[in-house]
Amino acid sequence: MTAVLRAIRGATTLDADTPEQVHERTRALIAAILEQNALSSEDLVSVLFTVTPDIHAGFPATAARSLGLDDVPLLGALEMAVDGALERCVRVLVHCYTERARGDLRHVYLEGATVLRRDLAR
């Protein structure tokens, strides 16, 4: 099969809004997405991060760059503030080229974010 453009979702949560937690949890999320989908940085087109309004301590993109994604376009944005929404949550949408069928992609939900998509969290 020829590689096609796909999107992979994921999310994680922080126990506390600290630079260390933003860095550690974002790195773990991106590393898991890459590993579980057999991707390298060469396969990535772009990565979009959102954070909930209660995260101020750091940029998820900075953590992703520390994994060697220096030449991948990375963008951060603020998630909508919705009453009752999951707190201290980092979400990601990874655009990549892969030979995997859409149904074979592994979306990754870590820490408290597993409640967001129990159907996709493994």
PDB file of N, CA and C in Angstrom:
ATOM      1  N   MET A   1       0.836  -1.184   0.000  1.00  0.00           N
ATOM      2  CA  MET A   1       0.000   0.000   0.000  1.00  0.00           C
ATOM      3  C   MET A   1       0.882   1.248   0.000  1.00  0.00           C
ATOM      4  N   THR A   2       0.449   2.256  -0.679  1.00  0.00           N
ATOM      5  CA  THR A   2       1.150   3.524  -0.721  1.00  0.00           C
ATOM      6  C   THR A   2       0.828   4.332   0.532  1.00  0.00           C
ATOM      7  N   ALA A   3       1.788   5.053   1.033  1.00  0.00           N
ATOM      8  CA  ALA A   3       1.562   5.896   2.206  1.00  0.00           C
ATOM      9  C   ALA A   3       0.566   7.003   1.864  1.00  0.00           C
ATOM     10  N   VAL A   4      -0.375   7.220   2.771  1.00  0.00           N
ATOM     11  CA  VAL A   4      -1.388   8.267   2.612  1.00  0.00           C
ATOM     12  C   VAL A   4      -1.371   9.168   3.840  1.00  0.00           C
ATOM     13  N   LEU A   5      -1.948  10.338   3.685  1.00  0.00           N
ATOM     14  CA  LEU A   5      -2.020  11.281   4.786  1.00  0.00           C
ATOM     15  C   LEU A   5      -3.108  10.856   5.761  1.00  0.00           C
ATOM     16  N   ARG A   6      -2.755  10.729   7.044  1.00  0.00           N
ATOM     17  CA  ARG A   6      -3.695  10.338   8.095  1.00  0.00           C
ATOM     18  C   ARG A   6      -3.522  11.284   9.277  1.00  0.00           C
ATOM     19  N   ALA A   7      -4.479  11.229  10.200  1.00  0.00           N
ATOM     20  CA  ALA A   7      -4.412  12.015  11.423  1.00  0.00           C
ATOM     21  C   ALA A   7      -4.592  11.093  12.621  1.00  0.00           C
ATOM     22  N   ILE A   8      -3.790  11.323  13.633  1.00  0.00           N
ATOM     23  CA  ILE A   8      -3.832  10.518  14.852  1.00  0.00           C
ATOM     24  C   ILE A   8      -4.085  11.466  16.018  1.00  0.00           C
ATOM     25  N   ARG A   9      -5.033  11.076  16.866  1.00  0.00           N
ATOM     26  CA  ARG A   9      -5.373  11.899  18.027  1.00  0.00           C
ATOM     27  C   ARG A   9      -4.754  11.341  19.287  1.00  0.00           C
ATOM     28  N   GLY A  10      -4.653  12.216  20.269  1.00  0.00           N
ATOM     29  CA  GLY A  10      -4.165  11.785  21.566  1.00  0.00           C
ATOM     30  C   GLY A  10      -4.364  12.869  22.593  1.00  0.00           C
ATOM     31  N   ALA A  11      -4.217  12.497  23.852  1.00  0.00           N
ATOM     32  CA  ALA A  11      -4.334  13.463  24.943  1.00  0.00           C
ATOM     33  C   ALA A  11      -3.706  12.886  26.198  1.00  0.00           C
ATOM     34  N   THR A  12      -3.352  13.782  27.085  1.00  0.00           N
ATOM     35  CA  THR A  12      -2.859  13.413  28.400  1.00  0.00           C
ATOM     36  C   THR A  12      -3.271  14.501  29.373  1.00  0.00           C
ATOM     37  N   THR A  13      -3.096  14.247  30.640  1.00  0.00           N
ATOM     38  CA  THR A  13      -3.392  15.253  31.653  1.00  0.00           C
ATOM     39  C   THR A  13      -2.172  15.462  32.538  1.00  0.00           C
ATOM     40  N   LEU A  14      -2.177  16.594  33.218  1.00  0.00           N
ATOM     41  CA  LEU A  14      -1.130  16.925  34.173  1.00  0.00           C
ATOM     42  C   LEU A  14      -1.696  16.813  35.576  1.00  0.00           C
ATOM     43  N   ASP A  15      -0.872  16.393  36.518  1.00  0.00           N
ATOM     44  CA  ASP A  15      -1.269  16.417  37.923  1.00  0.00           C
ATOM     45  C   ASP A  15      -1.179  17.833  38.471  1.00  0.00           C
ATOM     46  N   ALA A  16      -0.232  18.595  37.926  1.00  0.00           N
ATOM     47  CA  ALA A  16      -0.015  19.976  38.345  1.00  0.00           C
ATOM     48  C   ALA A  16       0.504  20.769  37.151  1.00  0.00           C
ATOM     49  N   ASP A  17       0.183  22.061  37.119  1.00  0.00           N
ATOM     50  CA  ASP A  17       0.636  22.929  36.040  1.00  0.00           C
ATOM     51  C   ASP A  17       2.057  23.397  36.330  1.00  0.00           C
ATOM     52  N   THR A  18       3.020  22.535  36.004  1.00  0.00           N
ATOM     53  CA  THR A  18       4.427  22.868  36.189  1.00  0.00           C
ATOM     54  C   THR A  18       5.159  22.639  34.874  1.00  0.00           C
ATOM     55  N   PRO A  19       6.268  23.337  34.664  1.00  0.00           N
ATOM     56  CA  PRO A  19       7.034  23.104  33.432  1.00  0.00           C
ATOM     57  C   PRO A  19       7.457  21.642  33.284  1.00  0.00           C
ATOM     58  N   GLU A  20       7.827  21.008  34.398  1.00  0.00           N
ATOM     59  CA  GLU A  20       8.262  19.617  34.355  1.00  0.00           C
ATOM     60  C   GLU A  20       7.137  18.690  33.891  1.00  0.00           C
ATOM     61  N   GLN A  21       5.921  18.920  34.390  1.00  0.00           N
ATOM     62  CA  GLN A  21       4.790  18.079  34.002  1.00  0.00           C
ATOM     63  C   GLN A  21       4.424  18.290  32.533  1.00  0.00           C
ATOM     64  N   VAL A  22       4.399  19.533  32.079  1.00  0.00           N
ATOM     65  CA  VAL A  22       4.106  19.794  30.662  1.00  0.00           C
ATOM     66  C   VAL A  22       5.115  19.059  29.800  1.00  0.00           C
ATOM     67  N   HIS A  23       6.376  19.183  30.139  1.00  0.00           N
ATOM     68  CA  HIS A  23       7.440  18.558  29.354  1.00  0.00           C
ATOM     69  C   HIS A  23       7.347  17.027  29.407  1.00  0.00           C
ATOM     70  N   GLU A  24       7.282  16.474  30.601  1.00  0.00           N
ATOM     71  CA  GLU A  24       7.277  15.017  30.787  1.00  0.00           C
ATOM     72  C   GLU A  24       6.058  14.356  30.145  1.00  0.00           C
ATOM     73  N   ARG A  25       4.881  14.888  30.409  1.00  0.00           N
ATOM     74  CA  ARG A  25       3.653  14.249  29.904  1.00  0.00           C
ATOM     75  C   ARG A  25       3.510  14.419  28.391  1.00  0.00           C
ATOM     76  N   THR A  26       3.922  15.567  27.863  1.00  0.00           N
ATOM     77  CA  THR A  26       3.854  15.764  26.408  1.00  0.00           C
ATOM     78  C   THR A  26       4.833  14.831  25.709  1.00  0.00           C
ATOM     79  N   ARG A  27       6.044  14.728  26.228  1.00  0.00           N
ATOM     80  CA  ARG A  27       7.034  13.805  25.644  1.00  0.00           C
ATOM     81  C   ARG A  27       6.505  12.374  25.657  1.00  0.00           C
ATOM     82  N   ALA A  28       5.914  11.955  26.765  1.00  0.00           N
ATOM     83  CA  ALA A  28       5.382  10.590  26.866  1.00  0.00           C
ATOM     84  C   ALA A  28       4.272  10.372  25.842  1.00  0.00           C
ATOM     85  N   LEU A  29       3.416  11.361  25.660  1.00  0.00           N
ATOM     86  CA  LEU A  29       2.315  11.247  24.701  1.00  0.00           C
ATOM     87  C   LEU A  29       2.828  11.124  23.272  1.00  0.00           C
ATOM     88  N   ILE A  30       3.718  12.020  22.878  1.00  0.00           N
ATOM     89  CA  ILE A  30       4.247  11.987  21.505  1.00  0.00           C
ATOM     90  C   ILE A  30       5.053  10.718  21.272  1.00  0.00           C
ATOM     91  N   ALA A  31       5.876  10.340  22.226  1.00  0.00           N
ATOM     92  CA  ALA A  31       6.671   9.113  22.081  1.00  0.00           C
ATOM     93  C   ALA A  31       5.767   7.897  21.910  1.00  0.00           C
ATOM     94  N   ALA A  32       4.680   7.825  22.657  1.00  0.00           N
ATOM     95  CA  ALA A  32       3.750   6.696  22.547  1.00  0.00           C
ATOM     96  C   ALA A  32       3.053   6.684  21.191  1.00  0.00           C
ATOM     97  N   ILE A  33       2.657   7.839  20.700  1.00  0.00           N
ATOM     98  CA  ILE A  33       2.019   7.907  19.378  1.00  0.00           C
ATOM     99  C   ILE A  33       2.987   7.428  18.299  1.00  0.00           C
ATOM    100  N   LEU A  34       4.226   7.910  18.351  1.00  0.00           N
ATOM    101  CA  LEU A  34       5.219   7.495  17.355  1.00  0.00           C
ATOM    102  C   LEU A  34       5.481   5.996  17.437  1.00  0.00           C
ATOM    103  N   GLU A  35       5.690   5.488  18.643  1.00  0.00           N
ATOM    104  CA  GLU A  35       5.999   4.069  18.821  1.00  0.00           C
ATOM    105  C   GLU A  35       4.831   3.176  18.412  1.00  0.00           C
ATOM    106  N   GLN A  36       3.639   3.476  18.892  1.00  0.00           N
ATOM    107  CA  GLN A  36       2.490   2.607  18.633  1.00  0.00           C
ATOM    108  C   GLN A  36       2.041   2.633  17.177  1.00  0.00           C
ATOM    109  N   ASN A  37       2.457   3.657  16.437  1.00  0.00           N
ATOM    110  CA  ASN A  37       2.089   3.747  15.023  1.00  0.00           C
ATOM    111  C   ASN A  37       3.281   3.563  14.090  1.00  0.00           C
ATOM    112  N   ALA A  38       4.410   3.138  14.654  1.00  0.00           N
ATOM    113  CA  ALA A  38       5.638   2.883  13.883  1.00  0.00           C
ATOM    114  C   ALA A  38       5.993   4.076  12.992  1.00  0.00           C
ATOM    115  N   LEU A  39       6.002   5.266  13.595  1.00  0.00           N
ATOM    116  CA  LEU A  39       6.291   6.492  12.866  1.00  0.00           C
ATOM    117  C   LEU A  39       7.647   7.054  13.275  1.00  0.00           C
ATOM    118  N   SER A  40       8.265   7.762  12.338  1.00  0.00           N
ATOM    119  CA  SER A  40       9.465   8.535  12.643  1.00  0.00           C
ATOM    120  C   SER A  40       9.145   9.996  12.336  1.00  0.00           C
ATOM    121  N   SER A  41      10.035  10.873  12.699  1.00  0.00           N
ATOM    122  CA  SER A  41       9.796  12.291  12.422  1.00  0.00           C
ATOM    123  C   SER A  41       9.662  12.553  10.927  1.00  0.00           C
ATOM    124  N   GLU A  42      10.295  11.727  10.110  1.00  0.00           N
ATOM    125  CA  GLU A  42      10.200  11.882   8.652  1.00  0.00           C
ATOM    126  C   GLU A  42       8.782  11.644   8.136  1.00  0.00           C
ATOM    127  N   ASP A  43       7.980  10.894   8.864  1.00  0.00           N
ATOM    128  CA  ASP A  43       6.604  10.594   8.460  1.00  0.00           C
ATOM    129  C   ASP A  43       5.633  11.716   8.813  1.00  0.00           C
ATOM    130  N   LEU A  44       6.056  12.619   9.692  1.00  0.00           N
ATOM    131  CA  LEU A  44       5.157  13.649  10.212  1.00  0.00           C
ATOM    132  C   LEU A  44       5.051  14.835   9.268  1.00  0.00           C
ATOM    133  N   VAL A  45       3.818  15.319   9.114  1.00  0.00           N
ATOM    134  CA  VAL A  45       3.554  16.512   8.320  1.00  0.00           C
ATOM    135  C   VAL A  45       3.464  17.721   9.244  1.00  0.00           C
ATOM    136  N   SER A  46       2.664  17.601  10.311  1.00  0.00           N
ATOM    137  CA  SER A  46       2.522  18.668  11.296  1.00  0.00           C
ATOM    138  C   SER A  46       1.876  18.102  12.552  1.00  0.00           C
ATOM    139  N   VAL A  47       2.011  18.860  13.636  1.00  0.00           N
ATOM    140  CA  VAL A  47       1.432  18.457  14.917  1.00  0.00           C
ATOM    141  C   VAL A  47       0.756  19.679  15.529  1.00  0.00           C
ATOM    142  N   LEU A  48      -0.509  19.518  15.885  1.00  0.00           N
ATOM    143  CA  LEU A  48      -1.287  20.581  16.517  1.00  0.00           C
ATOM    144  C   LEU A  48      -1.558  20.193  17.958  1.00  0.00           C
ATOM    145  N   PHE A  49      -1.181  21.074  18.881  1.00  0.00           N
ATOM    146  CA  PHE A  49      -1.441  20.872  20.305  1.00  0.00           C
ATOM    147  C   PHE A  49      -2.489  21.859  20.769  1.00  0.00           C
ATOM    148  N   THR A  50      -3.358  21.429  21.667  1.00  0.00           N
ATOM    149  CA  THR A  50      -4.194  22.361  22.414  1.00  0.00           C
ATOM    150  C   THR A  50      -4.008  22.060  23.888  1.00  0.00           C
ATOM    151  N   VAL A  51      -4.172  23.093  24.699  1.00  0.00           N
ATOM    152  CA  VAL A  51      -4.140  22.929  26.147  1.00  0.00           C
ATOM    153  C   VAL A  51      -5.377  23.609  26.728  1.00  0.00           C
ATOM    154  N   THR A  52      -5.834  23.092  27.851  1.00  0.00           N
ATOM    155  CA  THR A  52      -6.945  23.722  28.542  1.00  0.00           C
ATOM    156  C   THR A  52      -6.467  25.040  29.150  1.00  0.00           C
ATOM    157  N   PRO A  53      -7.406  25.960  29.409  1.00  0.00           N
ATOM    158  CA  PRO A  53      -7.022  27.294  29.894  1.00  0.00           C
ATOM    159  C   PRO A  53      -6.287  27.312  31.238  1.00  0.00           C
ATOM    160  N   ASP A  54      -6.267  26.193  31.947  1.00  0.00           N
ATOM    161  CA  ASP A  54      -5.585  26.159  33.242  1.00  0.00           C
ATOM    162  C   ASP A  54      -4.120  25.738  33.136  1.00  0.00           C
ATOM    163  N   ILE A  55      -3.603  25.621  31.925  1.00  0.00           N
ATOM    164  CA  ILE A  55      -2.182  25.302  31.729  1.00  0.00           C
ATOM    165  C   ILE A  55      -1.449  26.563  31.262  1.00  0.00           C
ATOM    166  N   HIS A  56      -0.484  26.986  32.066  1.00  0.00           N
ATOM    167  CA  HIS A  56       0.296  28.196  31.766  1.00  0.00           C
ATOM    168  C   HIS A  56       1.795  27.957  31.846  1.00  0.00           C
ATOM    169  N   ALA A  57       2.213  26.790  32.327  1.00  0.00           N
ATOM    170  CA  ALA A  57       3.606  26.572  32.700  1.00  0.00           C
ATOM    171  C   ALA A  57       4.560  26.300  31.536  1.00  0.00           C
ATOM    172  N   GLY A  58       4.042  25.966  30.379  1.00  0.00           N
ATOM    173  CA  GLY A  58       4.948  25.662  29.277  1.00  0.00           C
ATOM    174  C   GLY A  58       4.215  25.319  28.002  1.00  0.00           C
ATOM    175  N   PHE A  59       4.977  25.266  26.924  1.00  0.00           N
ATOM    176  CA  PHE A  59       4.445  24.938  25.610  1.00  0.00           C
ATOM    177  C   PHE A  59       4.672  23.461  25.300  1.00  0.00           C
ATOM    178  N   PRO A  60       3.626  22.712  24.966  1.00  0.00           N
ATOM    179  CA  PRO A  60       3.829  21.317  24.564  1.00  0.00           C
ATOM    180  C   PRO A  60       4.778  21.180  23.370  1.00  0.00           C
ATOM    181  N   ALA A  61       4.755  22.128  22.462  1.00  0.00           N
ATOM    182  CA  ALA A  61       5.629  22.045  21.285  1.00  0.00           C
ATOM    183  C   ALA A  61       7.102  22.025  21.681  1.00  0.00           C
ATOM    184  N   THR A  62       7.455  22.724  22.745  1.00  0.00           N
ATOM    185  CA  THR A  62       8.838  22.718  23.213  1.00  0.00           C
ATOM    186  C   THR A  62       9.254  21.308  23.618  1.00  0.00           C
ATOM    187  N   ALA A  63       8.365  20.614  24.297  1.00  0.00           N
ATOM    188  CA  ALA A  63       8.651  19.231  24.696  1.00  0.00           C
ATOM    189  C   ALA A  63       8.783  18.337  23.467  1.00  0.00           C
ATOM    190  N   ALA A  64       7.927  18.534  22.483  1.00  0.00           N
ATOM    191  CA  ALA A  64       7.988  17.723  21.258  1.00  0.00           C
ATOM    192  C   ALA A  64       9.302  17.954  20.524  1.00  0.00           C
ATOM    193  N   ARG A  65       9.766  19.185  20.505  1.00  0.00           N
ATOM    194  CA  ARG A  65      11.043  19.469  19.845  1.00  0.00           C
ATOM    195  C   ARG A  65      12.187  18.711  20.510  1.00  0.00           C
ATOM    196  N   SER A  66      12.077  18.505  21.811  1.00  0.00           N
ATOM    197  CA  SER A  66      13.141  17.797  22.523  1.00  0.00           C
ATOM    198  C   SER A  66      13.212  16.324  22.126  1.00  0.00           C
ATOM    199  N   LEU A  67      12.193  15.844  21.408  1.00  0.00           N
ATOM    200  CA  LEU A  67      12.209  14.472  20.888  1.00  0.00           C
ATOM    201  C   LEU A  67      12.800  14.409  19.481  1.00  0.00           C
ATOM    202  N   GLY A  68      13.326  15.530  18.998  1.00  0.00           N
ATOM    203  CA  GLY A  68      13.929  15.553  17.666  1.00  0.00           C
ATOM    204  C   GLY A  68      12.981  15.985  16.566  1.00  0.00           C
ATOM    205  N   LEU A  69      11.902  16.659  16.916  1.00  0.00           N
ATOM    206  CA  LEU A  69      10.941  17.109  15.905  1.00  0.00           C
ATOM    207  C   LEU A  69      11.197  18.551  15.489  1.00  0.00           C
ATOM    208  N   ASP A  70      12.451  18.942  15.430  1.00  0.00           N
ATOM    209  CA  ASP A  70      12.821  20.317  15.110  1.00  0.00           C
ATOM    210  C   ASP A  70      12.359  20.774  13.740  1.00  0.00           C
ATOM    211  N   ASP A  71      12.287  19.870  12.778  1.00  0.00           N
ATOM    212  CA  ASP A  71      11.919  20.259  11.419  1.00  0.00           C
ATOM    213  C   ASP A  71      10.461  19.966  11.088  1.00  0.00           C
ATOM    214  N   VAL A  72       9.659  19.600  12.097  1.00  0.00           N
ATOM    215  CA  VAL A  72       8.231  19.335  11.911  1.00  0.00           C
ATOM    216  C   VAL A  72       7.461  20.575  12.352  1.00  0.00           C
ATOM    217  N   PRO A  73       6.545  21.092  11.523  1.00  0.00           N
ATOM    218  CA  PRO A  73       5.744  22.235  11.955  1.00  0.00           C
ATOM    219  C   PRO A  73       4.873  21.862  13.166  1.00  0.00           C
ATOM    220  N   LEU A  74       5.008  22.645  14.235  1.00  0.00           N
ATOM    221  CA  LEU A  74       4.276  22.419  15.473  1.00  0.00           C
ATOM    222  C   LEU A  74       3.486  23.686  15.800  1.00  0.00           C
ATOM    223  N   LEU A  75       2.263  23.513  16.276  1.00  0.00           N
ATOM    224  CA  LEU A  75       1.428  24.662  16.601  1.00  0.00           C
ATOM    225  C   LEU A  75       0.673  24.396  17.885  1.00  0.00           C
ATOM    226  N   GLY A  76       0.617  25.382  18.748  1.00  0.00           N
ATOM    227  CA  GLY A  76      -0.141  25.273  19.987  1.00  0.00           C
ATOM    228  C   GLY A  76      -1.319  26.222  19.975  1.00  0.00           C
ATOM    229  N   ALA A  77      -2.394  25.815  20.623  1.00  0.00           N
ATOM    230  CA  ALA A  77      -3.599  26.642  20.708  1.00  0.00           C
ATOM    231  C   ALA A  77      -4.276  26.381  22.045  1.00  0.00           C
ATOM    232  N   LEU A  78      -5.189  27.260  22.379  1.00  0.00           N
ATOM    233  CA  LEU A  78      -5.941  27.145  23.620  1.00  0.00           C
ATOM    234  C   LEU A  78      -7.249  26.409  23.360  1.00  0.00           C
ATOM    235  N   GLU A  79      -7.501  25.387  24.151  1.00  0.00           N
ATOM    236  CA  GLU A  79      -8.760  24.629  24.073  1.00  0.00           C
ATOM    237  C   GLU A  79      -9.894  25.505  24.604  1.00  0.00           C
ATOM    238  N   MET A  80     -11.095  25.270  24.136  1.00  0.00           N
ATOM    239  CA  MET A  80     -12.256  26.009  24.628  1.00  0.00           C
ATOM    240  C   MET A  80     -12.445  25.769  26.126  1.00  0.00           C
ATOM    241  N   ALA A  81     -12.880  26.798  26.832  1.00  0.00           N
ATOM    242  CA  ALA A  81     -13.203  26.676  28.255  1.00  0.00           C
ATOM    243  C   ALA A  81     -14.663  26.252  28.371  1.00  0.00           C
ATOM    244  N   VAL A  82     -14.879  24.993  28.708  1.00  0.00           N
ATOM    245  CA  VAL A  82     -16.231  24.450  28.829  1.00  0.00           C
ATOM    246  C   VAL A  82     -16.439  23.996  30.269  1.00  0.00           C
ATOM    247  N   ASP A  83     -17.526  24.413  30.862  1.00  0.00           N
ATOM    248  CA  ASP A  83     -17.826  24.005  32.240  1.00  0.00           C
ATOM    249  C   ASP A  83     -17.843  22.487  32.352  1.00  0.00           C
ATOM    250  N   GLY A  84     -17.151  21.972  33.358  1.00  0.00           N
ATOM    251  CA  GLY A  84     -17.136  20.538  33.605  1.00  0.00           C
ATOM    252  C   GLY A  84     -16.155  19.757  32.756  1.00  0.00           C
ATOM    253  N   ALA A  85     -15.389  20.434  31.896  1.00  0.00           N
ATOM    254  CA  ALA A  85     -14.425  19.738  31.022  1.00  0.00           C
ATOM    255  C   ALA A  85     -13.239  19.233  31.838  1.00  0.00           C
ATOM    256  N   LEU A  86     -12.557  18.267  31.281  1.00  0.00           N
ATOM    257  CA  LEU A  86     -11.365  17.705  31.911  1.00  0.00           C
ATOM    258  C   LEU A  86     -10.326  18.803  32.119  1.00  0.00           C
ATOM    259  N   GLU A  87      -9.773  18.869  33.324  1.00  0.00           N
ATOM    260  CA  GLU A  87      -8.802  19.908  33.659  1.00  0.00           C
ATOM    261  C   GLU A  87      -7.380  19.494  33.308  1.00  0.00           C
ATOM    262  N   ARG A  88      -6.533  20.494  33.141  1.00  0.00           N
ATOM    263  CA  ARG A  88      -5.096  20.319  32.870  1.00  0.00           C
ATOM    264  C   ARG A  88      -4.851  19.257  31.796  1.00  0.00           C
ATOM    265  N   CYS A  89      -5.478  19.467  30.646  1.00  0.00           N
ATOM    266  CA  CYS A  89      -5.425  18.481  29.560  1.00  0.00           C
ATOM    267  C   CYS A  89      -4.659  19.039  28.360  1.00  0.00           C
ATOM    268  N   VAL A  90      -3.741  18.225  27.853  1.00  0.00           N
ATOM    269  CA  VAL A  90      -3.000  18.509  26.623  1.00  0.00           C
ATOM    270  C   VAL A  90      -3.539  17.552  25.560  1.00  0.00           C
ATOM    271  N   ARG A  91      -4.047  18.113  24.469  1.00  0.00           N
ATOM    272  CA  ARG A  91      -4.536  17.299  23.360  1.00  0.00           C
ATOM    273  C   ARG A  91      -3.604  17.477  22.173  1.00  0.00           C
ATOM    274  N   VAL A  92      -3.589  16.481  21.287  1.00  0.00           N
ATOM    275  CA  VAL A  92      -2.720  16.554  20.123  1.00  0.00           C
ATOM    276  C   VAL A  92      -3.420  15.940  18.913  1.00  0.00           C
ATOM    277  N   LEU A  93      -3.132  16.516  17.758  1.00  0.00           N
ATOM    278  CA  LEU A  93      -3.572  15.974  16.477  1.00  0.00           C
ATOM    279  C   LEU A  93      -2.323  15.906  15.604  1.00  0.00           C
ATOM    280  N   VAL A  94      -1.905  14.685  15.278  1.00  0.00           N
ATOM    281  CA  VAL A  94      -0.691  14.445  14.507  1.00  0.00           C
ATOM    282  C   VAL A  94      -1.078  14.107  13.072  1.00  0.00           C
ATOM    283  N   HIS A  95      -0.579  14.875  12.127  1.00  0.00           N
ATOM    284  CA  HIS A  95      -0.787  14.592  10.705  1.00  0.00           C
ATOM    285  C   HIS A  95       0.457  13.879  10.197  1.00  0.00           C
ATOM    286  N   CYS A  96       0.241  12.730   9.565  1.00  0.00           N
ATOM    287  CA  CYS A  96       1.383  11.924   9.150  1.00  0.00           C
ATOM    288  C   CYS A  96       1.074  11.142   7.877  1.00  0.00           C
ATOM    289  N   TYR A  97       2.152  10.697   7.238  1.00  0.00           N
ATOM    290  CA  TYR A  97       2.024   9.752   6.134  1.00  0.00           C
ATOM    291  C   TYR A  97       2.280   8.359   6.683  1.00  0.00           C
ATOM    292  N   THR A  98       1.387   7.447   6.335  1.00  0.00           N
ATOM    293  CA  THR A  98       1.513   6.073   6.804  1.00  0.00           C
ATOM    294  C   THR A  98       0.859   5.131   5.802  1.00  0.00           C
ATOM    295  N   GLU A  99       1.297   3.902   5.836  1.00  0.00           N
ATOM    296  CA  GLU A  99       0.669   2.871   5.012  1.00  0.00           C
ATOM    297  C   GLU A  99      -0.462   2.179   5.754  1.00  0.00           C
ATOM    298  N   ARG A 100      -0.643   2.494   7.021  1.00  0.00           N
ATOM    299  CA  ARG A 100      -1.708   1.877   7.812  1.00  0.00           C
ATOM    300  C   ARG A 100      -3.077   2.386   7.392  1.00  0.00           C
ATOM    301  N   ALA A 101      -4.038   1.485   7.422  1.00  0.00           N
ATOM    302  CA  ALA A 101      -5.424   1.877   7.173  1.00  0.00           C
ATOM    303  C   ALA A 101      -5.911   2.714   8.348  1.00  0.00           C
ATOM    304  N   ARG A 102      -6.904   3.533   8.124  1.00  0.00           N
ATOM    305  CA  ARG A 102      -7.428   4.388   9.184  1.00  0.00           C
ATOM    306  C   ARG A 102      -7.805   3.583  10.424  1.00  0.00           C
ATOM    307  N   GLY A 103      -8.404   2.438  10.233  1.00  0.00           N
ATOM    308  CA  GLY A 103      -8.822   1.596  11.345  1.00  0.00           C
ATOM    309  C   GLY A 103      -7.671   0.945  12.102  1.00  0.00           C
ATOM    310  N   ASP A 104      -6.476   0.973  11.532  1.00  0.00           N
ATOM    311  CA  ASP A 104      -5.313   0.371  12.189  1.00  0.00           C
ATOM    312  C   ASP A 104      -4.465   1.382  12.952  1.00  0.00           C
ATOM    313  N   LEU A 105      -4.849   2.653  12.899  1.00  0.00           N
ATOM    314  CA  LEU A 105      -4.106   3.672  13.631  1.00  0.00           C
ATOM    315  C   LEU A 105      -4.338   3.517  15.124  1.00  0.00           C
ATOM    316  N   ARG A 106      -3.333   3.827  15.912  1.00  0.00           N
ATOM    317  CA  ARG A 106      -3.423   3.744  17.370  1.00  0.00           C
ATOM    318  C   ARG A 106      -3.478   5.160  17.941  1.00  0.00           C
ATOM    319  N   HIS A 107      -4.657   5.581  18.349  1.00  0.00           N
ATOM    320  CA  HIS A 107      -4.826   6.856  19.034  1.00  0.00           C
ATOM    321  C   HIS A 107      -4.423   6.627  20.491  1.00  0.00           C
ATOM    322  N   VAL A 108      -3.797   7.618  21.107  1.00  0.00           N
ATOM    323  CA  VAL A 108      -3.201   7.409  22.425  1.00  0.00           C
ATOM    324  C   VAL A 108      -3.785   8.391  23.439  1.00  0.00           C
ATOM    325  N   TYR A 109      -4.364   7.847  24.491  1.00  0.00           N
ATOM    326  CA  TYR A 109      -4.907   8.642  25.592  1.00  0.00           C
ATOM    327  C   TYR A 109      -4.262   8.151  26.874  1.00  0.00           C
ATOM    328  N   LEU A 110      -3.538   9.048  27.548  1.00  0.00           N
ATOM    329  CA  LEU A 110      -2.776   8.693  28.735  1.00  0.00           C
ATOM    330  C   LEU A 110      -3.298   9.410  29.970  1.00  0.00           C
ATOM    331  N   GLU A 111      -2.878   8.912  31.112  1.00  0.00           N
ATOM    332  CA  GLU A 111      -3.207   9.521  32.407  1.00  0.00           C
ATOM    333  C   GLU A 111      -4.728   9.693  32.510  1.00  0.00           C
ATOM    334  N   GLY A 112      -5.176  10.837  32.995  1.00  0.00           N
ATOM    335  CA  GLY A 112      -6.609  11.070  33.175  1.00  0.00           C
ATOM    336  C   GLY A 112      -7.374  11.263  31.884  1.00  0.00           C
ATOM    337  N   ALA A 113      -6.670  11.402  30.776  1.00  0.00           N
ATOM    338  CA  ALA A 113      -7.331  11.632  29.483  1.00  0.00           C
ATOM    339  C   ALA A 113      -7.988  10.374  28.916  1.00  0.00           C
ATOM    340  N   THR A 114      -7.769   9.226  29.531  1.00  0.00           N
ATOM    341  CA  THR A 114      -8.408   8.002  29.019  1.00  0.00           C
ATOM    342  C   THR A 114      -9.921   8.115  29.057  1.00  0.00           C
ATOM    343  N   VAL A 115     -10.465   8.986  29.915  1.00  0.00           N
ATOM    344  CA  VAL A 115     -11.921   9.141  29.998  1.00  0.00           C
ATOM    345  C   VAL A 115     -12.489   9.866  28.782  1.00  0.00           C
ATOM    346  N   LEU A 116     -11.658  10.549  28.019  1.00  0.00           N
ATOM    347  CA  LEU A 116     -12.147  11.310  26.866  1.00  0.00           C
ATOM    348  C   LEU A 116     -12.658  10.398  25.754  1.00  0.00           C
ATOM    349  N   ARG A 117     -11.935   9.335  25.487  1.00  0.00           N
ATOM    350  CA  ARG A 117     -12.311   8.426  24.406  1.00  0.00           C
ATOM    351  C   ARG A 117     -11.987   7.012  24.829  1.00  0.00           C
ATOM    352  N   ARG A 118     -12.815   6.466  25.682  1.00  0.00           N
ATOM    353  CA  ARG A 118     -12.593   5.080  26.138  1.00  0.00           C
ATOM    354  C   ARG A 118     -12.590   4.113  24.959  1.00  0.00           C
ATOM    355  N   ASP A 119     -13.304   4.445  23.895  1.00  0.00           N
ATOM    356  CA  ASP A 119     -13.336   3.577  22.720  1.00  0.00           C
ATOM    357  C   ASP A 119     -12.015   3.566  21.980  1.00  0.00           C
ATOM    358  N   LEU A 120     -11.198   4.599  22.143  1.00  0.00           N
ATOM    359  CA  LEU A 120      -9.909   4.670  21.446  1.00  0.00           C
ATOM    360  C   LEU A 120      -8.725   4.394  22.355  1.00  0.00           C
ATOM    361  N   ALA A 121      -8.874   4.633  23.653  1.00  0.00           N
ATOM    362  CA  ALA A 121      -7.776   4.400  24.592  1.00  0.00           C
ATOM    363  C   ALA A 121      -7.520   2.901  24.714  1.00  0.00           C
ATOM    364  N   ARG A 122      -6.240   2.525  24.683  1.00  0.00           N
ATOM    365  CA  ARG A 122      -5.895   1.095  24.768  1.00  0.00           C
ATOM    366  C   ARG A 122      -4.988   0.873  25.946  1.00  0.00           C
TER     367      ARG A 122
END
